[in-house]
N, C-alpha and C. Protein backbone atom coordinates (compact mmCIF):
# COMPACT_ATOMS: atom_id res chain seq x y z
N UNK A 1 0.84 -1.18 0.00
CA UNK A 1 0.00 0.00 0.00
C UNK A 1 0.88 1.24 0.00
N UNK A 2 0.57 2.20 -0.84
CA UNK A 2 1.31 3.44 -0.90
C UNK A 2 0.78 4.40 0.15
N UNK A 3 1.66 5.33 0.59
CA UNK A 3 1.26 6.27 1.63
C UNK A 3 0.09 7.15 1.19
N UNK A 4 -0.03 7.45 -0.10
CA UNK A 4 -1.14 8.29 -0.55
C UNK A 4 -2.49 7.62 -0.34
N UNK A 5 -2.49 6.30 -0.14
CA UNK A 5 -3.72 5.56 0.09
C UNK A 5 -4.19 5.66 1.54
N UNK A 6 -3.37 6.26 2.41
CA UNK A 6 -3.68 6.39 3.83
C UNK A 6 -3.93 7.86 4.13
N UNK A 7 -4.99 8.14 4.89
CA UNK A 7 -5.28 9.54 5.22
C UNK A 7 -6.00 9.62 6.57
N UNK A 8 -5.99 10.83 7.15
CA UNK A 8 -6.76 11.12 8.36
C UNK A 8 -8.16 11.50 7.94
N UNK A 9 -9.12 11.14 8.76
CA UNK A 9 -10.49 11.55 8.52
C UNK A 9 -11.06 12.03 9.85
N UNK A 10 -11.47 13.28 9.88
CA UNK A 10 -12.07 13.88 11.07
C UNK A 10 -13.57 14.02 10.84
N UNK A 11 -14.36 13.65 11.83
CA UNK A 11 -15.80 13.86 11.76
C UNK A 11 -16.17 14.94 12.78
N UNK A 12 -17.33 15.55 12.58
CA UNK A 12 -17.74 16.70 13.37
C UNK A 12 -19.18 16.56 13.82
N UNK A 13 -19.52 17.28 14.89
CA UNK A 13 -20.90 17.35 15.35
C UNK A 13 -21.70 18.35 14.53
N UNK A 14 -20.99 19.30 13.90
CA UNK A 14 -21.71 20.34 13.15
C UNK A 14 -20.98 20.70 11.86
N UNK A 15 -21.73 21.17 10.90
CA UNK A 15 -21.16 21.66 9.65
C UNK A 15 -20.26 22.85 9.92
N UNK A 16 -20.66 23.69 10.87
CA UNK A 16 -19.87 24.88 11.21
C UNK A 16 -18.45 24.48 11.61
N UNK A 17 -18.30 23.47 12.45
CA UNK A 17 -16.97 23.03 12.89
C UNK A 17 -16.13 22.53 11.72
N UNK A 18 -16.75 21.83 10.80
CA UNK A 18 -16.03 21.33 9.61
C UNK A 18 -15.51 22.50 8.79
N UNK A 19 -16.33 23.52 8.60
CA UNK A 19 -15.93 24.67 7.80
C UNK A 19 -14.87 25.51 8.50
N UNK A 20 -14.95 25.61 9.83
CA UNK A 20 -13.91 26.32 10.59
C UNK A 20 -12.57 25.59 10.43
N UNK A 21 -12.60 24.28 10.56
CA UNK A 21 -11.36 23.51 10.42
C UNK A 21 -10.77 23.69 9.02
N UNK A 22 -11.61 23.67 8.00
CA UNK A 22 -11.13 23.86 6.64
C UNK A 22 -10.45 25.23 6.50
N UNK A 23 -11.07 26.26 7.01
CA UNK A 23 -10.52 27.62 6.90
C UNK A 23 -9.18 27.73 7.63
N UNK A 24 -9.12 27.20 8.84
CA UNK A 24 -7.91 27.30 9.67
C UNK A 24 -6.76 26.51 9.06
N UNK A 25 -7.02 25.28 8.64
CA UNK A 25 -5.94 24.46 8.08
C UNK A 25 -5.43 25.04 6.76
N UNK A 26 -6.33 25.55 5.94
CA UNK A 26 -5.89 26.18 4.68
C UNK A 26 -5.03 27.40 4.97
N UNK A 27 -5.41 28.19 5.99
CA UNK A 27 -4.62 29.36 6.37
C UNK A 27 -3.22 28.97 6.84
N UNK A 28 -3.10 27.77 7.41
CA UNK A 28 -1.82 27.24 7.88
C UNK A 28 -1.04 26.56 6.75
N UNK A 29 -1.63 26.50 5.57
CA UNK A 29 -0.96 25.89 4.42
C UNK A 29 -1.03 24.37 4.40
N UNK A 30 -1.97 23.81 5.15
CA UNK A 30 -2.14 22.35 5.19
C UNK A 30 -3.25 21.92 4.25
N UNK A 31 -3.07 20.78 3.64
CA UNK A 31 -4.07 20.24 2.73
C UNK A 31 -5.26 19.68 3.49
N UNK A 32 -6.44 19.99 3.00
CA UNK A 32 -7.68 19.49 3.60
C UNK A 32 -8.74 19.43 2.51
N UNK A 33 -9.56 18.40 2.59
CA UNK A 33 -10.67 18.27 1.66
C UNK A 33 -11.90 17.90 2.48
N UNK A 34 -12.96 18.68 2.33
CA UNK A 34 -14.22 18.40 3.02
C UNK A 34 -15.03 17.44 2.14
N UNK A 35 -15.45 16.34 2.75
CA UNK A 35 -16.17 15.30 2.03
C UNK A 35 -17.37 14.83 2.86
N UNK A 36 -18.33 14.16 2.26
CA UNK A 36 -19.40 13.54 3.06
C UNK A 36 -18.81 12.44 3.95
N UNK A 37 -19.38 12.25 5.12
CA UNK A 37 -18.92 11.17 6.00
C UNK A 37 -19.13 9.84 5.28
N UNK A 38 -18.08 9.03 5.16
CA UNK A 38 -18.23 7.73 4.49
C UNK A 38 -19.25 6.83 5.21
N UNK A 39 -19.99 6.07 4.46
CA UNK A 39 -21.03 5.18 5.01
C UNK A 39 -20.45 4.13 5.96
N UNK A 40 -19.18 3.78 5.80
CA UNK A 40 -18.58 2.79 6.71
C UNK A 40 -18.42 3.36 8.12
N UNK A 41 -18.51 4.69 8.26
CA UNK A 41 -18.39 5.33 9.57
C UNK A 41 -19.77 5.63 10.13
N UNK A 42 -20.65 6.20 9.30
CA UNK A 42 -21.98 6.58 9.77
C UNK A 42 -22.96 6.61 8.61
N UNK A 43 -24.18 6.20 8.88
CA UNK A 43 -25.21 6.26 7.84
C UNK A 43 -25.91 7.62 7.86
N UNK A 44 -25.57 8.45 8.84
CA UNK A 44 -26.15 9.79 8.92
C UNK A 44 -25.45 10.73 7.95
N UNK A 45 -26.14 11.79 7.61
CA UNK A 45 -25.53 12.83 6.78
C UNK A 45 -24.52 13.59 7.64
N UNK A 46 -23.56 14.18 7.01
CA UNK A 46 -22.59 14.98 7.73
C UNK A 46 -21.36 15.19 6.89
N UNK A 47 -20.48 16.04 7.40
CA UNK A 47 -19.24 16.34 6.70
C UNK A 47 -18.05 15.80 7.47
N UNK A 48 -17.02 15.45 6.73
CA UNK A 48 -15.77 14.99 7.31
C UNK A 48 -14.64 15.76 6.63
N UNK A 49 -13.51 15.80 7.30
CA UNK A 49 -12.32 16.44 6.74
C UNK A 49 -11.27 15.38 6.48
N UNK A 50 -10.81 15.33 5.24
CA UNK A 50 -9.77 14.38 4.85
C UNK A 50 -8.44 15.16 4.79
N UNK A 51 -7.42 14.66 5.50
CA UNK A 51 -6.13 15.34 5.56
C UNK A 51 -5.00 14.33 5.37
N UNK A 52 -3.82 14.85 5.08
CA UNK A 52 -2.63 14.02 4.90
C UNK A 52 -2.24 13.39 6.23
N UNK A 53 -1.99 12.09 6.22
CA UNK A 53 -1.71 11.36 7.45
C UNK A 53 -0.46 11.88 8.17
N UNK A 54 0.51 12.39 7.43
CA UNK A 54 1.74 12.89 8.04
C UNK A 54 1.56 14.19 8.80
N UNK A 55 0.40 14.85 8.65
CA UNK A 55 0.15 16.13 9.33
C UNK A 55 -0.59 15.97 10.65
N UNK A 56 -0.83 14.76 11.11
CA UNK A 56 -1.73 14.53 12.24
C UNK A 56 -1.32 15.27 13.51
N UNK A 57 -0.05 15.26 13.88
CA UNK A 57 0.36 15.93 15.13
C UNK A 57 0.18 17.43 15.02
N UNK A 58 0.55 18.01 13.89
CA UNK A 58 0.36 19.44 13.66
C UNK A 58 -1.12 19.80 13.71
N UNK A 59 -1.94 18.98 13.09
CA UNK A 59 -3.39 19.24 13.07
C UNK A 59 -3.98 19.14 14.47
N UNK A 60 -3.57 18.16 15.24
CA UNK A 60 -4.07 18.03 16.61
C UNK A 60 -3.72 19.26 17.44
N UNK A 61 -2.52 19.80 17.25
CA UNK A 61 -2.10 21.01 17.96
C UNK A 61 -2.98 22.19 17.56
N UNK A 62 -3.25 22.32 16.27
CA UNK A 62 -4.10 23.41 15.77
C UNK A 62 -5.52 23.27 16.31
N UNK A 63 -6.06 22.05 16.28
CA UNK A 63 -7.42 21.81 16.78
C UNK A 63 -7.54 22.26 18.23
N UNK A 64 -6.55 21.91 19.02
CA UNK A 64 -6.57 22.28 20.44
C UNK A 64 -6.43 23.79 20.61
N UNK A 65 -5.48 24.40 19.90
CA UNK A 65 -5.24 25.83 20.03
C UNK A 65 -6.44 26.66 19.56
N UNK A 66 -7.09 26.22 18.50
CA UNK A 66 -8.22 26.95 17.93
C UNK A 66 -9.56 26.52 18.52
N UNK A 67 -9.52 25.51 19.40
CA UNK A 67 -10.72 24.97 20.06
C UNK A 67 -11.78 24.53 19.04
N UNK A 68 -11.32 23.82 18.02
CA UNK A 68 -12.22 23.28 17.00
C UNK A 68 -12.85 22.00 17.55
N UNK A 69 -14.16 21.93 17.50
CA UNK A 69 -14.86 20.77 18.04
C UNK A 69 -14.95 19.67 16.99
N UNK A 70 -14.25 18.57 17.25
CA UNK A 70 -14.34 17.41 16.37
C UNK A 70 -15.10 16.31 17.10
N UNK A 71 -15.64 15.39 16.33
CA UNK A 71 -16.32 14.23 16.90
C UNK A 71 -15.30 13.12 17.09
N UNK A 72 -14.75 12.61 16.00
CA UNK A 72 -13.77 11.53 16.03
C UNK A 72 -12.68 11.78 15.00
N UNK A 73 -11.57 11.08 15.19
CA UNK A 73 -10.48 11.10 14.22
C UNK A 73 -10.14 9.66 13.87
N UNK A 74 -10.01 9.40 12.57
CA UNK A 74 -9.72 8.06 12.08
C UNK A 74 -8.51 8.11 11.15
N UNK A 75 -7.85 7.00 11.03
CA UNK A 75 -6.90 6.79 9.95
C UNK A 75 -7.58 5.80 9.03
N UNK A 76 -7.68 6.16 7.75
CA UNK A 76 -8.41 5.33 6.79
C UNK A 76 -7.54 5.05 5.58
N UNK A 77 -7.94 4.03 4.86
CA UNK A 77 -7.31 3.72 3.58
C UNK A 77 -8.38 3.80 2.50
N UNK A 78 -7.93 3.88 1.26
CA UNK A 78 -8.88 3.97 0.15
C UNK A 78 -9.78 2.74 0.04
N UNK A 79 -9.37 1.61 0.62
CA UNK A 79 -10.24 0.43 0.59
C UNK A 79 -11.03 0.28 1.88
N UNK A 80 -11.21 1.42 2.60
CA UNK A 80 -12.09 1.54 3.77
C UNK A 80 -11.65 0.77 5.00
N UNK A 81 -10.36 0.50 5.14
CA UNK A 81 -9.87 0.01 6.42
C UNK A 81 -9.82 1.20 7.38
N UNK A 82 -10.33 1.03 8.58
CA UNK A 82 -10.48 2.15 9.52
C UNK A 82 -9.77 1.82 10.82
N UNK A 83 -9.10 2.83 11.37
CA UNK A 83 -8.56 2.73 12.73
C UNK A 83 -8.82 4.05 13.42
N UNK A 84 -9.52 4.00 14.53
CA UNK A 84 -9.81 5.22 15.27
C UNK A 84 -8.55 5.66 16.00
N UNK A 85 -8.28 6.97 15.96
CA UNK A 85 -7.09 7.53 16.59
C UNK A 85 -7.48 8.19 17.89
């Protein structure tokens, strides 16, 4: 498996939190893509943030400093293997 096949996936309680995280991470020059929550995680509607797996520690620091409310953080692969972080 190539590293590009592995990514962080953050879920949120609200759309607002997802959009705040997108704005903050982009301002920090970090890659982020807002996507629908994958069905393997939840059948409910919602947004998730997909980020580069190598940025996890930096992102966690930013989340704490900016008080961004996340629901869960996962490490996922393109073939839907999931590990909660």
